[in-house]
């Protein structure tokens, strides 16, 4: 991850929880590890040890971000910046839903007498 990319993400990374142990993990390295896993599709157990925190630490960060909504905030920020770079409004103003994207039940509605 470049310094410019990290500068965009660092405000979205939550601080260590109050009252807990001080954070020792390099969060940039942990995010790089998660991005590596997403990009390569390799299993967690095969995360290389060179340059990345331990896989259990990376996994716990990933799950905590998921639980706390950090990933949603990151993807929202990145999507808005991408749209602005494309000279569009930051938030979409319309959506398209068709029969291929919204599935209904195979059977019709239940009729009541």
PDB file of N, CA and C in Angstrom:
ATOM      1  N   UNK A   1       0.849  -1.153   0.000  1.00  0.00           N
ATOM      2  CA  UNK A   1       0.000   0.000   0.000  1.00  0.00           C
ATOM      3  C   UNK A   1       0.906   1.231   0.000  1.00  0.00           C
ATOM      4  N   UNK A   2       0.589   2.172  -0.880  1.00  0.00           N
ATOM      5  CA  UNK A   2       1.408   3.381  -0.964  1.00  0.00           C
ATOM      6  C   UNK A   2       1.107   4.311   0.204  1.00  0.00           C
ATOM      7  N   UNK A   3       1.981   5.294   0.396  1.00  0.00           N
ATOM      8  CA  UNK A   3       1.752   6.273   1.461  1.00  0.00           C
ATOM      9  C   UNK A   3       0.467   7.059   1.230  1.00  0.00           C
ATOM     10  N   UNK A   4       0.164   7.379  -0.025  1.00  0.00           N
ATOM     11  CA  UNK A   4      -1.065   8.117  -0.335  1.00  0.00           C
ATOM     12  C   UNK A   4      -2.300   7.280  -0.025  1.00  0.00           C
ATOM     13  N   UNK A   5      -2.257   5.994  -0.356  1.00  0.00           N
ATOM     14  CA  UNK A   5      -3.385   5.109  -0.055  1.00  0.00           C
ATOM     15  C   UNK A   5      -3.563   4.955   1.458  1.00  0.00           C
ATOM     16  N   UNK A   6      -2.453   4.827   2.170  1.00  0.00           N
ATOM     17  CA  UNK A   6      -2.523   4.695   3.617  1.00  0.00           C
ATOM     18  C   UNK A   6      -3.072   5.973   4.257  1.00  0.00           C
ATOM     19  N   UNK A   7      -2.716   7.125   3.707  1.00  0.00           N
ATOM     20  CA  UNK A   7      -3.205   8.402   4.241  1.00  0.00           C
ATOM     21  C   UNK A   7      -4.729   8.488   4.152  1.00  0.00           C
ATOM     22  N   UNK A   8      -5.313   7.869   3.141  1.00  0.00           N
ATOM     23  CA  UNK A   8      -6.774   7.852   3.008  1.00  0.00           C
ATOM     24  C   UNK A   8      -7.396   6.937   4.056  1.00  0.00           C
ATOM     25  N   UNK A   9      -6.759   5.810   4.328  1.00  0.00           N
ATOM     26  CA  UNK A   9      -7.339   4.813   5.235  1.00  0.00           C
ATOM     27  C   UNK A   9      -7.084   5.091   6.713  1.00  0.00           C
ATOM     28  N   UNK A  10      -5.966   5.698   7.040  1.00  0.00           N
ATOM     29  CA  UNK A  10      -5.576   5.810   8.453  1.00  0.00           C
ATOM     30  C   UNK A  10      -6.625   6.514   9.327  1.00  0.00           C
ATOM     31  N   UNK A  11      -7.362   7.528   8.843  1.00  0.00           N
ATOM     32  CA  UNK A  11      -8.383   8.105   9.723  1.00  0.00           C
ATOM     33  C   UNK A  11      -9.551   7.155  10.005  1.00  0.00           C
ATOM     34  N   UNK A  12      -9.714   6.131   9.186  1.00  0.00           N
ATOM     35  CA  UNK A  12     -10.820   5.192   9.352  1.00  0.00           C
ATOM     36  C   UNK A  12     -10.470   4.008  10.250  1.00  0.00           C
ATOM     37  N   UNK A  13      -9.196   3.854  10.575  1.00  0.00           N
ATOM     38  CA  UNK A  13      -8.753   2.759  11.428  1.00  0.00           C
ATOM     39  C   UNK A  13      -9.011   3.153  12.885  1.00  0.00           C
ATOM     40  N   UNK A  14      -9.814   2.364  13.596  1.00  0.00           N
ATOM     41  CA  UNK A  14     -10.112   2.732  14.983  1.00  0.00           C
ATOM     42  C   UNK A  14      -8.879   2.636  15.873  1.00  0.00           C
ATOM     43  N   UNK A  15      -8.861   3.478  16.883  1.00  0.00           N
ATOM     44  CA  UNK A  15      -7.775   3.437  17.866  1.00  0.00           C
ATOM     45  C   UNK A  15      -7.921   2.175  18.712  1.00  0.00           C
ATOM     46  N   UNK A  16      -6.861   1.837  19.421  1.00  0.00           N
ATOM     47  CA  UNK A  16      -6.922   0.687  20.326  1.00  0.00           C
ATOM     48  C   UNK A  16      -8.013   0.937  21.363  1.00  0.00           C
ATOM     49  N   UNK A  17      -8.647  -0.130  21.793  1.00  0.00           N
ATOM     50  CA  UNK A  17      -9.748   0.007  22.745  1.00  0.00           C
ATOM     51  C   UNK A  17      -9.251   0.529  24.090  1.00  0.00           C
ATOM     52  N   UNK A  18     -10.043   1.391  24.679  1.00  0.00           N
ATOM     53  CA  UNK A  18      -9.713   2.003  25.953  1.00  0.00           C
ATOM     54  C   UNK A  18      -9.646   0.937  27.049  1.00  0.00           C
ATOM     55  N   UNK A  19      -8.620   1.023  27.860  1.00  0.00           N
ATOM     56  CA  UNK A  19      -8.485   0.113  28.986  1.00  0.00           C
ATOM     57  C   UNK A  19      -7.769  -1.176  28.654  1.00  0.00           C
ATOM     58  N   UNK A  20      -7.534  -1.430  27.388  1.00  0.00           N
ATOM     59  CA  UNK A  20      -6.846  -2.651  26.997  1.00  0.00           C
ATOM     60  C   UNK A  20      -5.339  -2.439  26.935  1.00  0.00           C
ATOM     61  N   UNK A  21      -4.658  -3.458  26.463  1.00  0.00           N
ATOM     62  CA  UNK A  21      -3.212  -3.337  26.294  1.00  0.00           C
ATOM     63  C   UNK A  21      -2.918  -2.388  25.143  1.00  0.00           C
ATOM     64  N   UNK A  22      -1.792  -1.701  25.202  1.00  0.00           N
ATOM     65  CA  UNK A  22      -1.421  -0.847  24.071  1.00  0.00           C
ATOM     66  C   UNK A  22      -1.244  -1.697  22.804  1.00  0.00           C
ATOM     67  N   UNK A  23      -1.620  -1.134  21.676  1.00  0.00           N
ATOM     68  CA  UNK A  23      -1.523  -1.853  20.405  1.00  0.00           C
ATOM     69  C   UNK A  23      -0.066  -1.964  19.990  1.00  0.00           C
ATOM     70  N   UNK A  24       0.379  -3.175  19.721  1.00  0.00           N
ATOM     71  CA  UNK A  24       1.742  -3.415  19.242  1.00  0.00           C
ATOM     72  C   UNK A  24       1.770  -3.691  17.746  1.00  0.00           C
ATOM     73  N   UNK A  25       0.631  -4.077  17.208  1.00  0.00           N
ATOM     74  CA  UNK A  25       0.547  -4.471  15.800  1.00  0.00           C
ATOM     75  C   UNK A  25       0.636  -3.259  14.893  1.00  0.00           C
ATOM     76  N   UNK A  26       1.440  -3.368  13.857  1.00  0.00           N
ATOM     77  CA  UNK A  26       1.503  -2.342  12.822  1.00  0.00           C
ATOM     78  C   UNK A  26       0.249  -2.495  11.963  1.00  0.00           C
ATOM     79  N   UNK A  27      -0.675  -1.558  12.095  1.00  0.00           N
ATOM     80  CA  UNK A  27      -1.959  -1.677  11.405  1.00  0.00           C
ATOM     81  C   UNK A  27      -1.793  -1.618   9.888  1.00  0.00           C
ATOM     82  N   UNK A  28      -0.817  -0.880   9.417  1.00  0.00           N
ATOM     83  CA  UNK A  28      -0.584  -0.833   7.971  1.00  0.00           C
ATOM     84  C   UNK A  28      -0.175  -2.207   7.453  1.00  0.00           C
ATOM     85  N   UNK A  29       0.673  -2.900   8.199  1.00  0.00           N
ATOM     86  CA  UNK A  29       1.089  -4.248   7.810  1.00  0.00           C
ATOM     87  C   UNK A  29      -0.101  -5.210   7.870  1.00  0.00           C
ATOM     88  N   UNK A  30      -0.972  -5.040   8.870  1.00  0.00           N
ATOM     89  CA  UNK A  30      -2.150  -5.904   8.983  1.00  0.00           C
ATOM     90  C   UNK A  30      -3.100  -5.674   7.814  1.00  0.00           C
ATOM     91  N   UNK A  31      -3.331  -4.416   7.444  1.00  0.00           N
ATOM     92  CA  UNK A  31      -4.193  -4.117   6.295  1.00  0.00           C
ATOM     93  C   UNK A  31      -3.564  -4.663   5.018  1.00  0.00           C
ATOM     94  N   UNK A  32      -2.246  -4.520   4.885  1.00  0.00           N
ATOM     95  CA  UNK A  32      -1.557  -5.090   3.722  1.00  0.00           C
ATOM     96  C   UNK A  32      -1.740  -6.603   3.665  1.00  0.00           C
ATOM     97  N   UNK A  33      -1.709  -7.259   4.819  1.00  0.00           N
ATOM     98  CA  UNK A  33      -1.906  -8.712   4.856  1.00  0.00           C
ATOM     99  C   UNK A  33      -3.316  -9.077   4.414  1.00  0.00           C
ATOM    100  N   UNK A  34      -4.306  -8.317   4.882  1.00  0.00           N
ATOM    101  CA  UNK A  34      -5.693  -8.587   4.489  1.00  0.00           C
ATOM    102  C   UNK A  34      -5.867  -8.365   2.990  1.00  0.00           C
ATOM    103  N   UNK A  35      -5.297  -7.288   2.473  1.00  0.00           N
ATOM    104  CA  UNK A  35      -5.387  -7.029   1.035  1.00  0.00           C
ATOM    105  C   UNK A  35      -4.669  -8.116   0.236  1.00  0.00           C
ATOM    106  N   UNK A  36      -3.557  -8.613   0.757  1.00  0.00           N
ATOM    107  CA  UNK A  36      -2.845  -9.718   0.104  1.00  0.00           C
ATOM    108  C   UNK A  36      -3.742 -10.952   0.019  1.00  0.00           C
ATOM    109  N   UNK A  37      -4.414 -11.276   1.124  1.00  0.00           N
ATOM    110  CA  UNK A  37      -5.311 -12.437   1.143  1.00  0.00           C
ATOM    111  C   UNK A  37      -6.459 -12.266   0.154  1.00  0.00           C
ATOM    112  N   UNK A  38      -7.023 -11.061   0.109  1.00  0.00           N
ATOM    113  CA  UNK A  38      -8.128 -10.803  -0.818  1.00  0.00           C
ATOM    114  C   UNK A  38      -7.665 -10.892  -2.277  1.00  0.00           C
ATOM    115  N   UNK A  39      -6.481 -10.355  -2.538  1.00  0.00           N
ATOM    116  CA  UNK A  39      -5.974 -10.317  -3.910  1.00  0.00           C
ATOM    117  C   UNK A  39      -5.585 -11.705  -4.413  1.00  0.00           C
ATOM    118  N   UNK A  40      -4.959 -12.502  -3.545  1.00  0.00           N
ATOM    119  CA  UNK A  40      -4.455 -13.799  -3.993  1.00  0.00           C
ATOM    120  C   UNK A  40      -5.448 -14.927  -3.774  1.00  0.00           C
ATOM    121  N   UNK A  41      -6.363 -14.755  -2.823  1.00  0.00           N
ATOM    122  CA  UNK A  41      -7.311 -15.816  -2.517  1.00  0.00           C
ATOM    123  C   UNK A  41      -6.698 -16.953  -1.724  1.00  0.00           C
ATOM    124  N   UNK A  42      -5.505 -16.735  -1.184  1.00  0.00           N
ATOM    125  CA  UNK A  42      -4.868 -17.818  -0.434  1.00  0.00           C
ATOM    126  C   UNK A  42      -5.561 -17.989   0.921  1.00  0.00           C
ATOM    127  N   UNK A  43      -5.543 -19.194   1.472  1.00  0.00           N
ATOM    128  CA  UNK A  43      -6.146 -19.433   2.784  1.00  0.00           C
ATOM    129  C   UNK A  43      -5.380 -18.703   3.885  1.00  0.00           C
ATOM    130  N   UNK A  44      -6.067 -18.426   4.974  1.00  0.00           N
ATOM    131  CA  UNK A  44      -5.449 -17.721   6.107  1.00  0.00           C
ATOM    132  C   UNK A  44      -4.188 -18.438   6.568  1.00  0.00           C
ATOM    133  N   UNK A  45      -4.229 -19.771   6.619  1.00  0.00           N
ATOM    134  CA  UNK A  45      -3.094 -20.518   7.165  1.00  0.00           C
ATOM    135  C   UNK A  45      -1.840 -20.394   6.305  1.00  0.00           C
ATOM    136  N   UNK A  46      -1.990 -19.952   5.045  1.00  0.00           N
ATOM    137  CA  UNK A  46      -0.833 -19.804   4.166  1.00  0.00           C
ATOM    138  C   UNK A  46      -0.356 -18.365   4.040  1.00  0.00           C
ATOM    139  N   UNK A  47      -0.833 -17.496   4.911  1.00  0.00           N
ATOM    140  CA  UNK A  47      -0.361 -16.109   4.889  1.00  0.00           C
ATOM    141  C   UNK A  47       1.136 -16.101   5.152  1.00  0.00           C
ATOM    142  N   UNK A  48       1.924 -15.511   4.263  1.00  0.00           N
ATOM    143  CA  UNK A  48       3.381 -15.497   4.470  1.00  0.00           C
ATOM    144  C   UNK A  48       3.753 -14.784   5.773  1.00  0.00           C
ATOM    145  N   UNK A  49       4.783 -15.263   6.399  1.00  0.00           N
ATOM    146  CA  UNK A  49       5.235 -14.661   7.660  1.00  0.00           C
ATOM    147  C   UNK A  49       6.124 -13.464   7.430  1.00  0.00           C
ATOM    148  N   UNK A  50       6.694 -13.346   6.240  1.00  0.00           N
ATOM    149  CA  UNK A  50       7.611 -12.245   5.950  1.00  0.00           C
ATOM    150  C   UNK A  50       6.842 -10.948   5.755  1.00  0.00           C
ATOM    151  N   UNK A  51       7.048  -9.999   6.654  1.00  0.00           N
ATOM    152  CA  UNK A  51       6.460  -8.669   6.492  1.00  0.00           C
ATOM    153  C   UNK A  51       5.035  -8.521   6.989  1.00  0.00           C
ATOM    154  N   UNK A  52       4.401  -9.594   7.404  1.00  0.00           N
ATOM    155  CA  UNK A  52       3.033  -9.521   7.899  1.00  0.00           C
ATOM    156  C   UNK A  52       2.988  -9.936   9.366  1.00  0.00           C
ATOM    157  N   UNK A  53       2.021  -9.392  10.123  1.00  0.00           N
ATOM    158  CA  UNK A  53       1.829  -9.867  11.504  1.00  0.00           C
ATOM    159  C   UNK A  53       1.365 -11.325  11.492  1.00  0.00           C
ATOM    160  N   UNK A  54       1.348 -11.968  12.664  1.00  0.00           N
ATOM    161  CA  UNK A  54       0.866 -13.363  12.721  1.00  0.00           C
ATOM    162  C   UNK A  54      -0.558 -13.476  12.175  1.00  0.00           C
ATOM    163  N   UNK A  55      -0.853 -14.601  11.541  1.00  0.00           N
ATOM    164  CA  UNK A  55      -2.152 -14.762  10.885  1.00  0.00           C
ATOM    165  C   UNK A  55      -3.318 -14.663  11.858  1.00  0.00           C
ATOM    166  N   UNK A  56      -3.144 -15.119  13.092  1.00  0.00           N
ATOM    167  CA  UNK A  56      -4.236 -15.019  14.069  1.00  0.00           C
ATOM    168  C   UNK A  56      -4.526 -13.553  14.395  1.00  0.00           C
ATOM    169  N   UNK A  57      -3.498 -12.733  14.470  1.00  0.00           N
ATOM    170  CA  UNK A  57      -3.672 -11.299  14.725  1.00  0.00           C
ATOM    171  C   UNK A  57      -4.386 -10.646  13.553  1.00  0.00           C
ATOM    172  N   UNK A  58      -3.953 -10.964  12.343  1.00  0.00           N
ATOM    173  CA  UNK A  58      -4.576 -10.400  11.144  1.00  0.00           C
ATOM    174  C   UNK A  58      -6.034 -10.835  11.067  1.00  0.00           C
ATOM    175  N   UNK A  59      -6.312 -12.090  11.351  1.00  0.00           N
ATOM    176  CA  UNK A  59      -7.685 -12.595  11.313  1.00  0.00           C
ATOM    177  C   UNK A  59      -8.556 -11.874  12.346  1.00  0.00           C
ATOM    178  N   UNK A  60      -8.029 -11.712  13.556  1.00  0.00           N
ATOM    179  CA  UNK A  60      -8.801 -11.022  14.597  1.00  0.00           C
ATOM    180  C   UNK A  60      -9.091  -9.574  14.214  1.00  0.00           C
ATOM    181  N   UNK A  61      -8.133  -8.901  13.615  1.00  0.00           N
ATOM    182  CA  UNK A  61      -8.356  -7.526  13.151  1.00  0.00           C
ATOM    183  C   UNK A  61      -9.430  -7.521  12.072  1.00  0.00           C
ATOM    184  N   UNK A  62      -9.327  -8.445  11.121  1.00  0.00           N
ATOM    185  CA  UNK A  62     -10.316  -8.546  10.051  1.00  0.00           C
ATOM    186  C   UNK A  62     -11.721  -8.738  10.620  1.00  0.00           C
ATOM    187  N   UNK A  63     -11.883  -9.685  11.540  1.00  0.00           N
ATOM    188  CA  UNK A  63     -13.200  -9.972  12.125  1.00  0.00           C
ATOM    189  C   UNK A  63     -13.722  -8.813  12.970  1.00  0.00           C
ATOM    190  N   UNK A  64     -12.839  -8.178  13.742  1.00  0.00           N
ATOM    191  CA  UNK A  64     -13.278  -7.032  14.542  1.00  0.00           C
ATOM    192  C   UNK A  64     -13.709  -5.870  13.655  1.00  0.00           C
ATOM    193  N   UNK A  65     -12.982  -5.643  12.575  1.00  0.00           N
ATOM    194  CA  UNK A  65     -13.382  -4.601  11.619  1.00  0.00           C
ATOM    195  C   UNK A  65     -14.740  -4.932  11.026  1.00  0.00           C
ATOM    196  N   UNK A  66     -14.950  -6.195  10.735  1.00  0.00           N
ATOM    197  CA  UNK A  66     -16.220  -6.633  10.166  1.00  0.00           C
ATOM    198  C   UNK A  66     -17.353  -6.398  11.169  1.00  0.00           C
ATOM    199  N   UNK A  67     -17.128  -6.810  12.404  1.00  0.00           N
ATOM    200  CA  UNK A  67     -18.135  -6.686  13.455  1.00  0.00           C
ATOM    201  C   UNK A  67     -18.446  -5.221  13.777  1.00  0.00           C
ATOM    202  N   UNK A  68     -17.417  -4.358  13.771  1.00  0.00           N
ATOM    203  CA  UNK A  68     -17.577  -2.958  14.153  1.00  0.00           C
ATOM    204  C   UNK A  68     -17.972  -2.041  12.997  1.00  0.00           C
ATOM    205  N   UNK A  69     -18.103  -2.582  11.791  1.00  0.00           N
ATOM    206  CA  UNK A  69     -18.508  -1.776  10.646  1.00  0.00           C
ATOM    207  C   UNK A  69     -17.396  -0.956  10.019  1.00  0.00           C
ATOM    208  N   UNK A  70     -16.154  -1.271  10.359  1.00  0.00           N
ATOM    209  CA  UNK A  70     -15.013  -0.521   9.807  1.00  0.00           C
ATOM    210  C   UNK A  70     -14.888  -0.766   8.307  1.00  0.00           C
ATOM    211  N   UNK A  71     -15.103  -2.027   7.873  1.00  0.00           N
ATOM    212  CA  UNK A  71     -15.011  -2.314   6.432  1.00  0.00           C
ATOM    213  C   UNK A  71     -16.057  -1.527   5.658  1.00  0.00           C
ATOM    214  N   UNK A  72     -17.264  -1.437   6.184  1.00  0.00           N
ATOM    215  CA  UNK A  72     -18.307  -0.663   5.504  1.00  0.00           C
ATOM    216  C   UNK A  72     -17.873   0.794   5.349  1.00  0.00           C
ATOM    217  N   UNK A  73     -17.288   1.357   6.391  1.00  0.00           N
ATOM    218  CA  UNK A  73     -16.819   2.752   6.333  1.00  0.00           C
ATOM    219  C   UNK A  73     -15.696   2.909   5.304  1.00  0.00           C
ATOM    220  N   UNK A  74     -14.783   1.946   5.276  1.00  0.00           N
ATOM    221  CA  UNK A  74     -13.672   2.008   4.311  1.00  0.00           C
ATOM    222  C   UNK A  74     -14.202   1.926   2.884  1.00  0.00           C
ATOM    223  N   UNK A  75     -15.087   0.944   2.615  1.00  0.00           N
ATOM    224  CA  UNK A  75     -15.603   0.787   1.246  1.00  0.00           C
ATOM    225  C   UNK A  75     -16.435   2.006   0.840  1.00  0.00           C
ATOM    226  N   UNK A  76     -17.212   2.573   1.770  1.00  0.00           N
ATOM    227  CA  UNK A  76     -17.991   3.782   1.463  1.00  0.00           C
ATOM    228  C   UNK A  76     -17.070   4.936   1.087  1.00  0.00           C
ATOM    229  N   UNK A  77     -16.005   5.120   1.861  1.00  0.00           N
ATOM    230  CA  UNK A  77     -15.046   6.202   1.590  1.00  0.00           C
ATOM    231  C   UNK A  77     -14.376   5.994   0.230  1.00  0.00           C
ATOM    232  N   UNK A  78     -13.921   4.784  -0.030  1.00  0.00           N
ATOM    233  CA  UNK A  78     -13.245   4.510  -1.301  1.00  0.00           C
ATOM    234  C   UNK A  78     -14.193   4.664  -2.489  1.00  0.00           C
ATOM    235  N   UNK A  79     -15.439   4.212  -2.331  1.00  0.00           N
ATOM    236  CA  UNK A  79     -16.418   4.354  -3.408  1.00  0.00           C
ATOM    237  C   UNK A  79     -16.699   5.836  -3.690  1.00  0.00           C
ATOM    238  N   UNK A  80     -16.859   6.636  -2.629  1.00  0.00           N
ATOM    239  CA  UNK A  80     -17.123   8.065  -2.826  1.00  0.00           C
ATOM    240  C   UNK A  80     -15.945   8.755  -3.514  1.00  0.00           C
ATOM    241  N   UNK A  81     -14.727   8.424  -3.092  1.00  0.00           N
ATOM    242  CA  UNK A  81     -13.551   9.037  -3.729  1.00  0.00           C
ATOM    243  C   UNK A  81     -13.432   8.623  -5.190  1.00  0.00           C
ATOM    244  N   UNK A  82     -13.716   7.362  -5.492  1.00  0.00           N
ATOM    245  CA  UNK A  82     -13.669   6.895  -6.878  1.00  0.00           C
ATOM    246  C   UNK A  82     -14.703   7.630  -7.727  1.00  0.00           C
ATOM    247  N   UNK A  83     -15.909   7.766  -7.202  1.00  0.00           N
ATOM    248  CA  UNK A  83     -16.957   8.469  -7.950  1.00  0.00           C
ATOM    249  C   UNK A  83     -16.571   9.928  -8.188  1.00  0.00           C
ATOM    250  N   UNK A  84     -15.980  10.570  -7.178  1.00  0.00           N
ATOM    251  CA  UNK A  84     -15.558  11.960  -7.345  1.00  0.00           C
ATOM    252  C   UNK A  84     -14.430  12.070  -8.367  1.00  0.00           C
ATOM    253  N   UNK A  85     -13.508  11.095  -8.354  1.00  0.00           N
ATOM    254  CA  UNK A  85     -12.433  11.090  -9.356  1.00  0.00           C
ATOM    255  C   UNK A  85     -12.994  10.930 -10.769  1.00  0.00           C
ATOM    256  N   UNK A  86     -14.142  10.257 -10.886  1.00  0.00           N
ATOM    257  CA  UNK A  86     -14.794  10.077 -12.186  1.00  0.00           C
ATOM    258  C   UNK A  86     -15.723  11.246 -12.514  1.00  0.00           C
ATOM    259  N   UNK A  87     -15.654  12.306 -11.676  1.00  0.00           N
ATOM    260  CA  UNK A  87     -16.470  13.510 -11.841  1.00  0.00           C
ATOM    261  C   UNK A  87     -17.961  13.200 -11.789  1.00  0.00           C
ATOM    262  N   UNK A  88     -18.318  12.350 -10.831  1.00  0.00           N
ATOM    263  CA  UNK A  88     -19.713  12.023 -10.574  1.00  0.00           C
ATOM    264  C   UNK A  88     -20.036  12.454  -9.151  1.00  0.00           C
ATOM    265  N   UNK A  89     -21.315  12.464  -8.817  1.00  0.00           N
ATOM    266  CA  UNK A  89     -21.687  12.767  -7.441  1.00  0.00           C
ATOM    267  C   UNK A  89     -21.146  11.673  -6.525  1.00  0.00           C
ATOM    268  N   UNK A  90     -20.781  12.050  -5.309  1.00  0.00           N
ATOM    269  CA  UNK A  90     -20.172  11.092  -4.380  1.00  0.00           C
ATOM    270  C   UNK A  90     -21.104   9.930  -4.062  1.00  0.00           C
ATOM    271  N   UNK A  91     -22.386  10.208  -3.942  1.00  0.00           N
ATOM    272  CA  UNK A  91     -23.360   9.150  -3.646  1.00  0.00           C
ATOM    273  C   UNK A  91     -24.231   8.900  -4.863  1.00  0.00           C
ATOM    274  N   UNK A  92     -24.507   7.641  -5.172  1.00  0.00           N
ATOM    275  CA  UNK A  92     -25.378   7.353  -6.309  1.00  0.00           C
ATOM    276  C   UNK A  92     -26.771   7.940  -6.078  1.00  0.00           C
ATOM    277  N   UNK A  93     -27.400   8.374  -7.156  1.00  0.00           N
ATOM    278  CA  UNK A  93     -28.738   8.952  -7.039  1.00  0.00           C
ATOM    279  C   UNK A  93     -29.820   7.999  -7.521  1.00  0.00           C
ATOM    280  N   UNK A  94     -29.427   6.876  -8.102  1.00  0.00           N
ATOM    281  CA  UNK A  94     -30.408   5.915  -8.607  1.00  0.00           C
ATOM    282  C   UNK A  94     -29.815   4.512  -8.548  1.00  0.00           C
ATOM    283  N   UNK A  95     -30.691   3.526  -8.603  1.00  0.00           N
ATOM    284  CA  UNK A  95     -30.263   2.129  -8.640  1.00  0.00           C
ATOM    285  C   UNK A  95     -31.192   1.379  -9.583  1.00  0.00           C
ATOM    286  N   UNK A  96     -30.705   0.286 -10.131  1.00  0.00           N
ATOM    287  CA  UNK A  96     -31.497  -0.546 -11.025  1.00  0.00           C
ATOM    288  C   UNK A  96     -31.631  -1.917 -10.387  1.00  0.00           C
ATOM    289  N   UNK A  97     -32.854  -2.370 -10.255  1.00  0.00           N
ATOM    290  CA  UNK A  97     -33.108  -3.712  -9.728  1.00  0.00           C
ATOM    291  C   UNK A  97     -33.966  -4.427 -10.763  1.00  0.00           C
ATOM    292  N   UNK A  98     -33.491  -5.566 -11.232  1.00  0.00           N
ATOM    293  CA  UNK A  98     -34.265  -6.326 -12.205  1.00  0.00           C
ATOM    294  C   UNK A  98     -34.482  -7.745 -11.679  1.00  0.00           C
ATOM    295  N   UNK A  99     -35.118  -8.562 -12.476  1.00  0.00           N
ATOM    296  CA  UNK A  99     -35.458  -9.905 -12.018  1.00  0.00           C
ATOM    297  C   UNK A  99     -34.227 -10.775 -11.790  1.00  0.00           C
ATOM    298  N   UNK A 100     -33.089 -10.415 -12.363  1.00  0.00           N
ATOM    299  CA  UNK A 100     -31.879 -11.190 -12.152  1.00  0.00           C
ATOM    300  C   UNK A 100     -31.178 -10.807 -10.851  1.00  0.00           C
ATOM    301  N   UNK A 101     -31.380  -9.574 -10.386  1.00  0.00           N
ATOM    302  CA  UNK A 101     -30.714  -9.170  -9.151  1.00  0.00           C
ATOM    303  C   UNK A 101     -31.574  -9.325  -7.919  1.00  0.00           C
ATOM    304  N   UNK A 102     -32.884  -9.415  -8.084  1.00  0.00           N
ATOM    305  CA  UNK A 102     -33.793  -9.573  -6.951  1.00  0.00           C
ATOM    306  C   UNK A 102     -34.661 -10.796  -7.206  1.00  0.00           C
ATOM    307  N   UNK A 103     -34.344 -11.871  -6.508  1.00  0.00           N
ATOM    308  CA  UNK A 103     -35.075 -13.119  -6.712  1.00  0.00           C
ATOM    309  C   UNK A 103     -36.298 -13.168  -5.799  1.00  0.00           C
ATOM    310  N   UNK A 104     -37.377 -13.690  -6.325  1.00  0.00           N
ATOM    311  CA  UNK A 104     -38.574 -13.909  -5.517  1.00  0.00           C
ATOM    312  C   UNK A 104     -38.693 -15.411  -5.260  1.00  0.00           C
ATOM    313  N   UNK A 105     -39.708 -15.791  -4.549  1.00  0.00           N
ATOM    314  CA  UNK A 105     -39.893 -17.230  -4.304  1.00  0.00           C
ATOM    315  C   UNK A 105     -40.361 -17.904  -5.581  1.00  0.00           C
ATOM    316  N   UNK A 106     -40.161 -19.210  -5.661  1.00  0.00           N
ATOM    317  CA  UNK A 106     -40.567 -19.940  -6.850  1.00  0.00           C
ATOM    318  C   UNK A 106     -42.073 -20.080  -6.917  1.00  0.00           C
ATOM    319  N   UNK A 107     -42.694 -20.113  -5.775  1.00  0.00           N
ATOM    320  CA  UNK A 107     -44.152 -20.234  -5.733  1.00  0.00           C
ATOM    321  C   UNK A 107     -44.753 -18.849  -5.539  1.00  0.00           C
ATOM    322  N   UNK A 108     -45.962 -18.704  -5.963  1.00  0.00           N
ATOM    323  CA  UNK A 108     -46.641 -17.428  -5.812  1.00  0.00           C
ATOM    324  C   UNK A 108     -47.010 -17.156  -4.362  1.00  0.00           C
ATOM    325  N   UNK A 109     -47.697 -16.063  -4.158  1.00  0.00           N
ATOM    326  CA  UNK A 109     -48.120 -15.672  -2.819  1.00  0.00           C
ATOM    327  C   UNK A 109     -49.127 -16.682  -2.260  1.00  0.00           C
ATOM    328  N   UNK A 110     -49.166 -16.797  -0.971  1.00  0.00           N
ATOM    329  CA  UNK A 110     -50.104 -17.694  -0.322  1.00  0.00           C
ATOM    330  C   UNK A 110     -51.465 -17.025  -0.329  1.00  0.00           C
ATOM    331  N   UNK A 111     -52.461 -17.750  -0.841  1.00  0.00           N
ATOM    332  CA  UNK A 111     -53.823 -17.231  -0.894  1.00  0.00           C
ATOM    333  C   UNK A 111     -54.561 -17.604   0.386  1.00  0.00           C
ATOM    334  N   UNK A 112     -55.228 -16.658   0.963  1.00  0.00           N
ATOM    335  CA  UNK A 112     -56.032 -16.938   2.157  1.00  0.00           C
ATOM    336  C   UNK A 112     -57.487 -16.905   1.771  1.00  0.00           C
ATOM    337  N   UNK A 113     -58.272 -17.702   2.412  1.00  0.00           N
ATOM    338  CA  UNK A 113     -59.693 -17.799   2.053  1.00  0.00           C
ATOM    339  C   UNK A 113     -60.511 -16.706   2.683  1.00  0.00           C
TER     340      UNK A 113
END
